[in-house]
Amino acid sequence: MNTDFEIIEKEAIEKLHFPEGDVLNDKEEILQRNSELDRALTLGNLEHSKIKIYFEDDHSKKVVETTIWGVTDKRVILKQGVVIPINRIYKSL
């Protein structure tokens, strides 16, 4: 999965623009994404483990290695209030 994704620093995410549409259109993939994000949140809170989030802004596919601090119904919250819309995330590992 790494080949198409450009590595980005967490601090650069707040400068990105995210379109409204979802990058996933398969119900199973969307459920899988939500499950992965819940697991990543638990790992972040309990073990401060970093995970890779694969996502897409309005220009290209990107990956960031970070700790998830929170998950709302629409966003993933990283350190320093940086957010990524869930509908722009492909997966988190």
Protein backbone atom coordinates (compact mmCIF):
# COMPACT_ATOMS: atom_id res chain seq x y z
CA MET A 1 0.00 0.00 0.00
CA ASN A 2 2.93 2.35 0.64
CA THR A 3 3.92 2.82 -2.98
CA ASP A 4 1.26 5.41 -3.91
CA PHE A 5 1.47 7.35 -0.66
CA GLU A 6 3.75 10.32 0.04
CA ILE A 7 5.07 10.52 3.61
CA ILE A 8 4.01 13.73 5.34
CA GLU A 9 4.76 15.22 8.76
CA LYS A 10 1.83 15.66 11.13
CA GLU A 11 2.51 19.41 11.37
CA ALA A 12 1.91 19.81 7.61
CA ILE A 13 -1.59 18.32 7.76
CA GLU A 14 -3.26 21.50 9.00
CA LYS A 15 -2.25 23.23 5.74
CA LEU A 16 -4.03 20.62 3.60
CA HIS A 17 -7.49 20.91 2.07
CA PHE A 18 -9.90 17.99 2.15
CA PRO A 19 -12.79 17.52 -0.31
CA GLU A 20 -16.19 16.43 1.03
CA GLY A 21 -16.44 13.02 -0.66
CA ASP A 22 -15.44 9.71 0.90
CA VAL A 23 -12.36 7.95 -0.47
CA LEU A 24 -14.06 4.61 0.20
CA ASN A 25 -17.36 3.54 -1.32
CA ASP A 26 -17.57 -0.07 -0.17
CA LYS A 27 -19.57 -0.58 3.06
CA GLU A 28 -17.22 -3.34 4.27
CA GLU A 29 -14.16 -1.13 3.74
CA ILE A 30 -15.83 1.72 5.64
CA LEU A 31 -16.63 -0.61 8.57
CA GLN A 32 -13.05 -1.90 8.49
CA ARG A 33 -11.71 1.68 8.56
CA ASN A 34 -13.86 2.53 11.59
CA SER A 35 -12.70 -0.60 13.37
CA GLU A 36 -9.03 0.20 12.63
CA LEU A 37 -9.46 3.76 13.91
CA ASP A 38 -11.08 2.54 17.15
CA ARG A 39 -8.18 0.12 17.65
CA ALA A 40 -5.62 2.85 16.87
CA LEU A 41 -7.28 5.17 19.39
CA THR A 42 -7.04 2.50 22.08
CA LEU A 43 -3.38 1.85 21.24
CA GLY A 44 -2.65 5.57 21.31
CA ASN A 45 -4.30 6.11 24.67
CA LEU A 46 -3.00 3.00 26.43
CA GLU A 47 0.44 2.49 24.94
CA HIS A 48 1.12 5.79 23.14
CA SER A 49 1.76 3.67 20.05
CA LYS A 50 2.22 5.40 16.72
CA ILE A 51 0.28 4.13 13.75
CA LYS A 52 0.28 4.95 10.06
CA ILE A 53 -2.77 6.73 8.67
CA TYR A 54 -3.24 6.48 4.89
CA PHE A 55 -5.37 9.34 3.59
CA GLU A 56 -5.98 11.65 0.65
CA ASP A 57 -6.33 15.42 0.45
CA ASP A 58 -7.41 17.39 -2.63
CA HIS A 59 -4.03 16.77 -4.34
CA SER A 60 -2.63 13.33 -3.57
CA LYS A 61 -2.46 10.29 -1.33
CA LYS A 62 -0.41 10.69 1.84
CA VAL A 63 0.67 8.72 4.90
CA VAL A 64 1.53 10.04 8.36
CA GLU A 65 2.95 8.15 11.32
CA THR A 66 1.41 9.53 14.50
CA THR A 67 -0.58 8.85 17.66
CA ILE A 68 -4.37 9.21 17.54
CA TRP A 69 -5.67 11.21 20.49
CA GLY A 70 -9.36 11.15 19.69
CA VAL A 71 -11.98 10.04 17.21
CA THR A 72 -15.29 11.85 16.65
CA ASP A 73 -18.02 10.79 14.24
CA LYS A 74 -16.36 12.82 11.47
CA ARG A 75 -12.70 13.41 12.41
CA VAL A 76 -9.55 11.85 13.77
CA ILE A 77 -7.78 14.12 16.26
CA LEU A 78 -3.99 14.08 16.48
CA LYS A 79 -1.64 15.99 18.82
CA GLN A 80 -1.90 19.80 18.86
CA GLY A 81 -5.47 19.72 17.55
CA VAL A 82 -4.50 18.52 14.06
CA VAL A 83 -7.47 16.74 12.46
CA ILE A 84 -8.04 14.48 9.47
CA PRO A 85 -11.61 13.93 8.22
CA ILE A 86 -12.47 10.23 8.58
CA ASN A 87 -14.04 10.18 5.10
CA ARG A 88 -10.59 10.98 3.61
CA ILE A 89 -8.83 8.05 5.34
CA TYR A 90 -8.20 4.77 3.51
CA LYS A 91 -6.84 2.81 6.44
CA SER A 92 -4.77 2.94 9.59
CA LEU A 93 -2.19 0.35 10.60
